[in-house]
Amino acid sequence: MQPRSAPRELYFYNDDKEMPIVIKPPPKPRKRMYESSQQYEKRVQEWEAHKPPKVDVDP
């Protein structure tokens, strides 16, 4: 049996980069059973207006 070596410090490659915070957008609204198409379109437009901006993340 070989003797154990001292534990080494872990190194993660992504530690050098600061990763941007990605905000998950709310899900797209679904059409309700008793909702008119105009009301639904209005809710979809409001949803699109309040979506957070897209963040470019480098792989």
PDB file of N, CA and C in Angstrom:
ATOM      1  N   MET A   1       0.828  -1.194   0.000  1.00  0.00           N
ATOM      2  CA  MET A   1       0.000   0.000   0.000  1.00  0.00           C
ATOM      3  C   MET A   1       0.870   1.254   0.000  1.00  0.00           C
ATOM      4  N   GLN A   2       0.473   2.221  -0.802  1.00  0.00           N
ATOM      5  CA  GLN A   2       1.245   3.454  -0.868  1.00  0.00           C
ATOM      6  C   GLN A   2       0.708   4.457   0.147  1.00  0.00           C
ATOM      7  N   PRO A   3       1.590   5.261   0.708  1.00  0.00           N
ATOM      8  CA  PRO A   3       1.111   6.265   1.679  1.00  0.00           C
ATOM      9  C   PRO A   3       0.301   7.345   0.969  1.00  0.00           C
ATOM     10  N   ARG A   4      -0.664   7.871   1.660  1.00  0.00           N
ATOM     11  CA  ARG A   4      -1.507   8.930   1.095  1.00  0.00           C
ATOM     12  C   ARG A   4      -0.733  10.240   1.041  1.00  0.00           C
ATOM     13  N   SER A   5      -0.927  10.960  -0.041  1.00  0.00           N
ATOM     14  CA  SER A   5      -0.297  12.273  -0.148  1.00  0.00           C
ATOM     15  C   SER A   5      -1.215  13.316   0.489  1.00  0.00           C
ATOM     16  N   ALA A   6      -0.651  14.459   0.774  1.00  0.00           N
ATOM     17  CA  ALA A   6      -1.432  15.539   1.382  1.00  0.00           C
ATOM     18  C   ALA A   6      -2.514  15.986   0.402  1.00  0.00           C
ATOM     19  N   PRO A   7      -3.703  16.322   0.881  1.00  0.00           N
ATOM     20  CA  PRO A   7      -4.762  16.771  -0.041  1.00  0.00           C
ATOM     21  C   PRO A   7      -4.358  18.067  -0.730  1.00  0.00           C
ATOM     22  N   ARG A   8      -4.634  18.129  -1.988  1.00  0.00           N
ATOM     23  CA  ARG A   8      -4.289  19.311  -2.775  1.00  0.00           C
ATOM     24  C   ARG A   8      -5.483  20.245  -2.854  1.00  0.00           C
ATOM     25  N   GLU A   9      -5.175  21.498  -3.124  1.00  0.00           N
ATOM     26  CA  GLU A   9      -6.236  22.489  -3.271  1.00  0.00           C
ATOM     27  C   GLU A   9      -6.926  22.276  -4.614  1.00  0.00           C
ATOM     28  N   LEU A  10      -8.234  22.327  -4.618  1.00  0.00           N
ATOM     29  CA  LEU A  10      -8.985  22.147  -5.856  1.00  0.00           C
ATOM     30  C   LEU A  10      -8.903  23.406  -6.700  1.00  0.00           C
ATOM     31  N   TYR A  11      -8.767  23.233  -8.000  1.00  0.00           N
ATOM     32  CA  TYR A  11      -8.705  24.357  -8.924  1.00  0.00           C
ATOM     33  C   TYR A  11      -9.807  24.188  -9.953  1.00  0.00           C
ATOM     34  N   PHE A  12     -10.637  25.192 -10.089  1.00  0.00           N
ATOM     35  CA  PHE A  12     -11.709  25.169 -11.066  1.00  0.00           C
ATOM     36  C   PHE A  12     -11.376  26.159 -12.175  1.00  0.00           C
ATOM     37  N   TYR A  13     -11.533  25.735 -13.405  1.00  0.00           N
ATOM     38  CA  TYR A  13     -11.154  26.564 -14.550  1.00  0.00           C
ATOM     39  C   TYR A  13     -11.999  27.828 -14.660  1.00  0.00           C
ATOM     40  N   ASN A  14     -13.233  27.784 -14.219  1.00  0.00           N
ATOM     41  CA  ASN A  14     -14.126  28.931 -14.374  1.00  0.00           C
ATOM     42  C   ASN A  14     -13.951  29.975 -13.278  1.00  0.00           C
ATOM     43  N   ASP A  15     -13.080  29.729 -12.307  1.00  0.00           N
ATOM     44  CA  ASP A  15     -12.894  30.701 -11.232  1.00  0.00           C
ATOM     45  C   ASP A  15     -12.313  32.014 -11.742  1.00  0.00           C
ATOM     46  N   ASP A  16     -11.553  31.966 -12.836  1.00  0.00           N
ATOM     47  CA  ASP A  16     -10.924  33.175 -13.348  1.00  0.00           C
ATOM     48  C   ASP A  16     -11.928  34.105 -14.024  1.00  0.00           C
ATOM     49  N   LYS A  17     -13.014  33.555 -14.510  1.00  0.00           N
ATOM     50  CA  LYS A  17     -14.013  34.355 -15.229  1.00  0.00           C
ATOM     51  C   LYS A  17     -15.164  34.707 -14.299  1.00  0.00           C
ATOM     52  N   GLU A  18     -15.664  35.911 -14.462  1.00  0.00           N
ATOM     53  CA  GLU A  18     -16.876  36.275 -13.739  1.00  0.00           C
ATOM     54  C   GLU A  18     -18.058  35.969 -14.640  1.00  0.00           C
ATOM     55  N   MET A  19     -18.918  35.089 -14.199  1.00  0.00           N
ATOM     56  CA  MET A  19     -20.059  34.683 -14.996  1.00  0.00           C
ATOM     57  C   MET A  19     -21.197  35.690 -14.797  1.00  0.00           C
ATOM     58  N   PRO A  20     -21.828  36.127 -15.877  1.00  0.00           N
ATOM     59  CA  PRO A  20     -22.955  37.058 -15.740  1.00  0.00           C
ATOM     60  C   PRO A  20     -24.159  36.352 -15.120  1.00  0.00           C
ATOM     61  N   ILE A  21     -24.931  37.112 -14.398  1.00  0.00           N
ATOM     62  CA  ILE A  21     -26.128  36.559 -13.775  1.00  0.00           C
ATOM     63  C   ILE A  21     -27.226  36.517 -14.831  1.00  0.00           C
ATOM     64  N   VAL A  22     -27.743  35.330 -15.078  1.00  0.00           N
ATOM     65  CA  VAL A  22     -28.792  35.155 -16.079  1.00  0.00           C
ATOM     66  C   VAL A  22     -30.125  35.080 -15.345  1.00  0.00           C
ATOM     67  N   ILE A  23     -31.022  35.995 -15.681  1.00  0.00           N
ATOM     68  CA  ILE A  23     -32.339  36.034 -15.055  1.00  0.00           C
ATOM     69  C   ILE A  23     -33.296  35.208 -15.903  1.00  0.00           C
ATOM     70  N   LYS A  24     -33.937  34.252 -15.266  1.00  0.00           N
ATOM     71  CA  LYS A  24     -34.881  33.403 -15.985  1.00  0.00           C
ATOM     72  C   LYS A  24     -36.184  34.177 -16.204  1.00  0.00           C
ATOM     73  N   PRO A  25     -36.618  34.294 -17.457  1.00  0.00           N
ATOM     74  CA  PRO A  25     -37.850  35.049 -17.721  1.00  0.00           C
ATOM     75  C   PRO A  25     -39.080  34.261 -17.270  1.00  0.00           C
ATOM     76  N   PRO A  26     -40.162  34.970 -16.961  1.00  0.00           N
ATOM     77  CA  PRO A  26     -41.395  34.263 -16.607  1.00  0.00           C
ATOM     78  C   PRO A  26     -41.924  33.509 -17.827  1.00  0.00           C
ATOM     79  N   PRO A  27     -42.653  32.432 -17.598  1.00  0.00           N
ATOM     80  CA  PRO A  27     -43.173  31.668 -18.738  1.00  0.00           C
ATOM     81  C   PRO A  27     -44.183  32.478 -19.546  1.00  0.00           C
ATOM     82  N   LYS A  28     -44.269  32.143 -20.826  1.00  0.00           N
ATOM     83  CA  LYS A  28     -45.215  32.827 -21.712  1.00  0.00           C
ATOM     84  C   LYS A  28     -46.633  32.519 -21.242  1.00  0.00           C
ATOM     85  N   PRO A  29     -47.506  33.528 -21.203  1.00  0.00           N
ATOM     86  CA  PRO A  29     -48.874  33.286 -20.735  1.00  0.00           C
ATOM     87  C   PRO A  29     -49.642  32.351 -21.672  1.00  0.00           C
ATOM     88  N   ARG A  30     -50.476  31.555 -21.066  1.00  0.00           N
ATOM     89  CA  ARG A  30     -51.336  30.652 -21.843  1.00  0.00           C
ATOM     90  C   ARG A  30     -52.718  31.285 -21.974  1.00  0.00           C
ATOM     91  N   LYS A  31     -53.392  30.906 -23.046  1.00  0.00           N
ATOM     92  CA  LYS A  31     -54.741  31.436 -23.260  1.00  0.00           C
ATOM     93  C   LYS A  31     -55.692  30.751 -22.286  1.00  0.00           C
ATOM     94  N   ARG A  32     -56.433  31.576 -21.585  1.00  0.00           N
ATOM     95  CA  ARG A  32     -57.407  31.045 -20.639  1.00  0.00           C
ATOM     96  C   ARG A  32     -58.660  30.613 -21.383  1.00  0.00           C
ATOM     97  N   MET A  33     -59.412  29.741 -20.756  1.00  0.00           N
ATOM     98  CA  MET A  33     -60.589  29.163 -21.406  1.00  0.00           C
ATOM     99  C   MET A  33     -61.643  30.228 -21.739  1.00  0.00           C
ATOM    100  N   TYR A  34     -61.854  31.148 -20.823  1.00  0.00           N
ATOM    101  CA  TYR A  34     -62.900  32.156 -21.021  1.00  0.00           C
ATOM    102  C   TYR A  34     -62.292  33.523 -21.319  1.00  0.00           C
ATOM    103  N   GLU A  35     -61.227  33.550 -22.083  1.00  0.00           N
ATOM    104  CA  GLU A  35     -60.545  34.798 -22.414  1.00  0.00           C
ATOM    105  C   GLU A  35     -60.634  35.019 -23.920  1.00  0.00           C
ATOM    106  N   SER A  36     -60.909  36.249 -24.305  1.00  0.00           N
ATOM    107  CA  SER A  36     -60.982  36.538 -25.740  1.00  0.00           C
ATOM    108  C   SER A  36     -59.568  36.609 -26.320  1.00  0.00           C
ATOM    109  N   SER A  37     -59.487  36.504 -27.629  1.00  0.00           N
ATOM    110  CA  SER A  37     -58.189  36.565 -28.304  1.00  0.00           C
ATOM    111  C   SER A  37     -57.528  37.925 -28.101  1.00  0.00           C
ATOM    112  N   GLN A  38     -58.343  38.977 -28.052  1.00  0.00           N
ATOM    113  CA  GLN A  38     -57.799  40.324 -27.852  1.00  0.00           C
ATOM    114  C   GLN A  38     -57.182  40.467 -26.458  1.00  0.00           C
ATOM    115  N   GLN A  39     -57.859  39.922 -25.445  1.00  0.00           N
ATOM    116  CA  GLN A  39     -57.318  39.980 -24.088  1.00  0.00           C
ATOM    117  C   GLN A  39     -56.017  39.177 -23.995  1.00  0.00           C
ATOM    118  N   TYR A  40     -56.002  38.036 -24.645  1.00  0.00           N
ATOM    119  CA  TYR A  40     -54.802  37.199 -24.628  1.00  0.00           C
ATOM    120  C   TYR A  40     -53.637  37.906 -25.318  1.00  0.00           C
ATOM    121  N   GLU A  41     -53.901  38.502 -26.477  1.00  0.00           N
ATOM    122  CA  GLU A  41     -52.846  39.220 -27.201  1.00  0.00           C
ATOM    123  C   GLU A  41     -52.304  40.381 -26.367  1.00  0.00           C
ATOM    124  N   LYS A  42     -53.183  41.053 -25.635  1.00  0.00           N
ATOM    125  CA  LYS A  42     -52.747  42.146 -24.772  1.00  0.00           C
ATOM    126  C   LYS A  42     -51.817  41.620 -23.675  1.00  0.00           C
ATOM    127  N   ARG A  43     -52.162  40.485 -23.076  1.00  0.00           N
ATOM    128  CA  ARG A  43     -51.306  39.902 -22.031  1.00  0.00           C
ATOM    129  C   ARG A  43     -49.962  39.456 -22.599  1.00  0.00           C
ATOM    130  N   VAL A  44     -49.960  38.922 -23.819  1.00  0.00           N
ATOM    131  CA  VAL A  44     -48.710  38.493 -24.452  1.00  0.00           C
ATOM    132  C   VAL A  44     -47.826  39.708 -24.737  1.00  0.00           C
ATOM    133  N   GLN A  45     -48.420  40.799 -25.200  1.00  0.00           N
ATOM    134  CA  GLN A  45     -47.650  42.018 -25.465  1.00  0.00           C
ATOM    135  C   GLN A  45     -47.050  42.577 -24.177  1.00  0.00           C
ATOM    136  N   GLU A  46     -47.816  42.549 -23.084  1.00  0.00           N
ATOM    137  CA  GLU A  46     -47.292  43.006 -21.792  1.00  0.00           C
ATOM    138  C   GLU A  46     -46.152  42.100 -21.332  1.00  0.00           C
ATOM    139  N   TRP A  47     -46.302  40.799 -21.553  1.00  0.00           N
ATOM    140  CA  TRP A  47     -45.258  39.839 -21.173  1.00  0.00           C
ATOM    141  C   TRP A  47     -43.968  40.107 -21.951  1.00  0.00           C
ATOM    142  N   GLU A  48     -44.101  40.359 -23.261  1.00  0.00           N
ATOM    143  CA  GLU A  48     -42.920  40.626 -24.084  1.00  0.00           C
ATOM    144  C   GLU A  48     -42.255  41.940 -23.687  1.00  0.00           C
ATOM    145  N   ALA A  49     -43.046  42.934 -23.282  1.00  0.00           N
ATOM    146  CA  ALA A  49     -42.486  44.225 -22.893  1.00  0.00           C
ATOM    147  C   ALA A  49     -41.719  44.140 -21.574  1.00  0.00           C
ATOM    148  N   HIS A  50     -42.108  43.217 -20.695  1.00  0.00           N
ATOM    149  CA  HIS A  50     -41.478  43.115 -19.377  1.00  0.00           C
ATOM    150  C   HIS A  50     -40.413  42.025 -19.302  1.00  0.00           C
ATOM    151  N   LYS A  51     -40.116  41.373 -20.431  1.00  0.00           N
ATOM    152  CA  LYS A  51     -39.073  40.343 -20.412  1.00  0.00           C
ATOM    153  C   LYS A  51     -37.720  40.996 -20.149  1.00  0.00           C
ATOM    154  N   PRO A  52     -36.842  40.336 -19.364  1.00  0.00           N
ATOM    155  CA  PRO A  52     -35.502  40.899 -19.160  1.00  0.00           C
ATOM    156  C   PRO A  52     -34.685  40.807 -20.442  1.00  0.00           C
ATOM    157  N   PRO A  53     -33.695  41.681 -20.610  1.00  0.00           N
ATOM    158  CA  PRO A  53     -32.878  41.626 -21.829  1.00  0.00           C
ATOM    159  C   PRO A  53     -32.060  40.345 -21.885  1.00  0.00           C
ATOM    160  N   LYS A  54     -31.780  39.887 -23.093  1.00  0.00           N
ATOM    161  CA  LYS A  54     -31.015  38.660 -23.268  1.00  0.00           C
ATOM    162  C   LYS A  54     -29.541  38.938 -22.969  1.00  0.00           C
ATOM    163  N   VAL A  55     -28.916  38.039 -22.199  1.00  0.00           N
ATOM    164  CA  VAL A  55     -27.517  38.190 -21.823  1.00  0.00           C
ATOM    165  C   VAL A  55     -26.696  37.208 -22.638  1.00  0.00           C
ATOM    166  N   ASP A  56     -25.635  37.715 -23.287  1.00  0.00           N
ATOM    167  CA  ASP A  56     -24.752  36.836 -24.045  1.00  0.00           C
ATOM    168  C   ASP A  56     -23.788  36.159 -23.083  1.00  0.00           C
ATOM    169  N   VAL A  57     -23.781  34.822 -23.092  1.00  0.00           N
ATOM    170  CA  VAL A  57     -22.898  34.056 -22.221  1.00  0.00           C
ATOM    171  C   VAL A  57     -21.911  33.311 -23.097  1.00  0.00           C
ATOM    172  N   ASP A  58     -20.621  33.543 -22.853  1.00  0.00           N
ATOM    173  CA  ASP A  58     -19.594  32.830 -23.608  1.00  0.00           C
ATOM    174  C   ASP A  58     -19.460  31.417 -23.060  1.00  0.00           C
ATOM    175  N   PRO A  59     -19.361  30.426 -23.932  1.00  0.00           N
ATOM    176  CA  PRO A  59     -19.223  29.046 -23.442  1.00  0.00           C
ATOM    177  C   PRO A  59     -17.864  28.787 -22.833  1.00  0.00           C
TER     178      PRO A  59
END
